[in-house]
Amino acid sequence: MSENAVTVREARAHLADHINRAEQGTPTIITRNGAPVAALVPISDFNALEAAADELLAREAESVLTDGGPTVTMAELLADLFSEREDGTA
């Protein structure tokens, strides 16, 4: 486990310190029962991850369209998303 890993209890007790570290570029992994469950990261890292995920999804969508794959309406997409949440599968 990383030297920057802390338990949930430790993270709660020293949240301001971990936020300061994130601002300085050092992420903190938060663990529960020894397993990593969350990360406190610099906002620039989070924004880069979000941008990369958006780019990946856009490329996948473009590939489906280029290959003549199926398309769905926004209503169909939302219906699928909400039905997954109700089923507990998302």
C-alpha atoms as a PDB file:
ATOM      1  CA  MET A   1       0.000   0.000   0.000  1.00  0.00           C
ATOM      2  CA  SER A   2       1.194   3.514  -0.761  1.00  0.00           C
ATOM      3  CA  GLU A   3       2.795   5.580   1.965  1.00  0.00           C
ATOM      4  CA  ASN A   4       0.030   8.111   1.199  1.00  0.00           C
ATOM      5  CA  ALA A   5      -2.699   5.650   2.162  1.00  0.00           C
ATOM      6  CA  VAL A   6      -4.811   6.339   5.226  1.00  0.00           C
ATOM      7  CA  THR A   7      -7.864   4.797   6.820  1.00  0.00           C
ATOM      8  CA  VAL A   8     -11.250   6.498   6.647  1.00  0.00           C
ATOM      9  CA  ARG A   9     -10.878   7.407  10.319  1.00  0.00           C
ATOM     10  CA  GLU A  10      -7.450   8.975   9.729  1.00  0.00           C
ATOM     11  CA  ALA A  11      -8.716  10.825   6.655  1.00  0.00           C
ATOM     12  CA  ARG A  12     -11.608  12.273   8.660  1.00  0.00           C
ATOM     13  CA  ALA A  13      -9.360  13.333  11.506  1.00  0.00           C
ATOM     14  CA  HIS A  14      -6.838  15.044   9.227  1.00  0.00           C
ATOM     15  CA  LEU A  15      -8.919  16.033   6.202  1.00  0.00           C
ATOM     16  CA  ALA A  16      -7.443  19.544   5.974  1.00  0.00           C
ATOM     17  CA  ASP A  17      -3.918  18.074   5.863  1.00  0.00           C
ATOM     18  CA  HIS A  18      -4.859  15.702   3.043  1.00  0.00           C
ATOM     19  CA  ILE A  19      -6.525  18.524   1.121  1.00  0.00           C
ATOM     20  CA  ASN A  20      -3.358  20.602   1.499  1.00  0.00           C
ATOM     21  CA  ARG A  21      -1.297  17.673   0.171  1.00  0.00           C
ATOM     22  CA  ALA A  22      -3.651  17.329  -2.796  1.00  0.00           C
ATOM     23  CA  GLU A  23      -3.265  21.041  -3.533  1.00  0.00           C
ATOM     24  CA  GLN A  24       0.508  20.465  -3.555  1.00  0.00           C
ATOM     25  CA  GLY A  25       0.127  17.568  -6.000  1.00  0.00           C
ATOM     26  CA  THR A  26       0.178  14.549  -3.667  1.00  0.00           C
ATOM     27  CA  PRO A  27      -2.830  12.214  -3.773  1.00  0.00           C
ATOM     28  CA  THR A  28      -4.079  10.319  -0.729  1.00  0.00           C
ATOM     29  CA  ILE A  29      -5.610   6.863  -0.992  1.00  0.00           C
ATOM     30  CA  ILE A  30      -8.351   6.200   1.565  1.00  0.00           C
ATOM     31  CA  THR A  31      -8.820   2.646   2.757  1.00  0.00           C
ATOM     32  CA  ARG A  32     -11.531   0.742   4.597  1.00  0.00           C
ATOM     33  CA  ASN A  33     -10.648  -2.597   6.166  1.00  0.00           C
ATOM     34  CA  GLY A  34      -7.312  -2.454   4.339  1.00  0.00           C
ATOM     35  CA  ALA A  35      -8.834  -2.064   0.875  1.00  0.00           C
ATOM     36  CA  PRO A  36      -8.601   1.164  -1.147  1.00  0.00           C
ATOM     37  CA  VAL A  37     -12.058   2.745  -1.521  1.00  0.00           C
ATOM     38  CA  ALA A  38     -11.429   6.360  -2.525  1.00  0.00           C
ATOM     39  CA  ALA A  39      -8.756   8.862  -3.440  1.00  0.00           C
ATOM     40  CA  LEU A  40      -8.280  12.519  -2.646  1.00  0.00           C
ATOM     41  CA  VAL A  41      -6.434  13.881  -5.673  1.00  0.00           C
ATOM     42  CA  PRO A  42      -5.342  17.258  -6.985  1.00  0.00           C
ATOM     43  CA  ILE A  43      -8.172  18.872  -8.947  1.00  0.00           C
ATOM     44  CA  SER A  44      -5.937  19.036 -12.025  1.00  0.00           C
ATOM     45  CA  ASP A  45      -5.608  15.232 -11.938  1.00  0.00           C
ATOM     46  CA  PHE A  46      -9.366  14.842 -11.543  1.00  0.00           C
ATOM     47  CA  ASN A  47     -10.043  17.241 -14.423  1.00  0.00           C
ATOM     48  CA  ALA A  48      -7.547  15.389 -16.632  1.00  0.00           C
ATOM     49  CA  LEU A  49      -9.227  12.080 -15.822  1.00  0.00           C
ATOM     50  CA  GLU A  50     -12.652  13.505 -16.627  1.00  0.00           C
ATOM     51  CA  ALA A  51     -11.377  14.928 -19.930  1.00  0.00           C
ATOM     52  CA  ALA A  52      -9.746  11.605 -20.839  1.00  0.00           C
ATOM     53  CA  ALA A  53     -12.968   9.708 -20.067  1.00  0.00           C
ATOM     54  CA  ASP A  54     -14.976  12.159 -22.186  1.00  0.00           C
ATOM     55  CA  GLU A  55     -12.508  11.764 -25.064  1.00  0.00           C
ATOM     56  CA  LEU A  56     -12.633   7.971 -24.834  1.00  0.00           C
ATOM     57  CA  LEU A  57     -16.435   7.950 -24.894  1.00  0.00           C
ATOM     58  CA  ALA A  58     -16.476  10.339 -27.856  1.00  0.00           C
ATOM     59  CA  ARG A  59     -14.044   8.108 -29.772  1.00  0.00           C
ATOM     60  CA  GLU A  60     -16.103   5.018 -29.009  1.00  0.00           C
ATOM     61  CA  ALA A  61     -19.280   6.762 -30.169  1.00  0.00           C
ATOM     62  CA  GLU A  62     -17.576   7.939 -33.364  1.00  0.00           C
ATOM     63  CA  SER A  63     -16.358   4.390 -34.011  1.00  0.00           C
ATOM     64  CA  VAL A  64     -19.867   2.970 -33.622  1.00  0.00           C
ATOM     65  CA  LEU A  65     -21.256   5.574 -36.022  1.00  0.00           C
ATOM     66  CA  THR A  66     -18.463   4.998 -38.536  1.00  0.00           C
ATOM     67  CA  ASP A  67     -19.059   1.252 -38.448  1.00  0.00           C
ATOM     68  CA  GLY A  68     -22.802   1.754 -38.966  1.00  0.00           C
ATOM     69  CA  GLY A  69     -23.555   0.500 -35.477  1.00  0.00           C
ATOM     70  CA  PRO A  70     -26.862   0.969 -33.699  1.00  0.00           C
ATOM     71  CA  THR A  71     -27.916   4.315 -32.340  1.00  0.00           C
ATOM     72  CA  VAL A  72     -30.409   5.173 -29.617  1.00  0.00           C
ATOM     73  CA  THR A  73     -32.416   8.242 -28.806  1.00  0.00           C
ATOM     74  CA  MET A  74     -31.717  10.246 -25.661  1.00  0.00           C
ATOM     75  CA  ALA A  75     -35.042   8.999 -24.259  1.00  0.00           C
ATOM     76  CA  GLU A  76     -33.957   5.377 -24.782  1.00  0.00           C
ATOM     77  CA  LEU A  77     -30.589   6.054 -23.180  1.00  0.00           C
ATOM     78  CA  LEU A  78     -32.143   7.705 -20.134  1.00  0.00           C
ATOM     79  CA  ALA A  79     -34.712   4.937 -19.789  1.00  0.00           C
ATOM     80  CA  ASP A  80     -31.921   2.345 -19.784  1.00  0.00           C
ATOM     81  CA  LEU A  81     -29.885   4.297 -17.232  1.00  0.00           C
ATOM     82  CA  PHE A  82     -32.811   4.746 -14.862  1.00  0.00           C
ATOM     83  CA  SER A  83     -33.938   1.129 -15.158  1.00  0.00           C
ATOM     84  CA  GLU A  84     -30.401  -0.006 -14.256  1.00  0.00           C
ATOM     85  CA  ARG A  85     -30.421   2.180 -11.146  1.00  0.00           C
ATOM     86  CA  GLU A  86     -33.800   0.867 -10.054  1.00  0.00           C
ATOM     87  CA  ASP A  87     -32.571  -2.704 -10.534  1.00  0.00           C
ATOM     88  CA  GLY A  88     -29.405  -1.913  -8.614  1.00  0.00           C
ATOM     89  CA  THR A  89     -27.259  -2.995 -11.548  1.00  0.00           C
ATOM     90  CA  ALA A  90     -25.546   0.339 -12.116  1.00  0.00           C
END
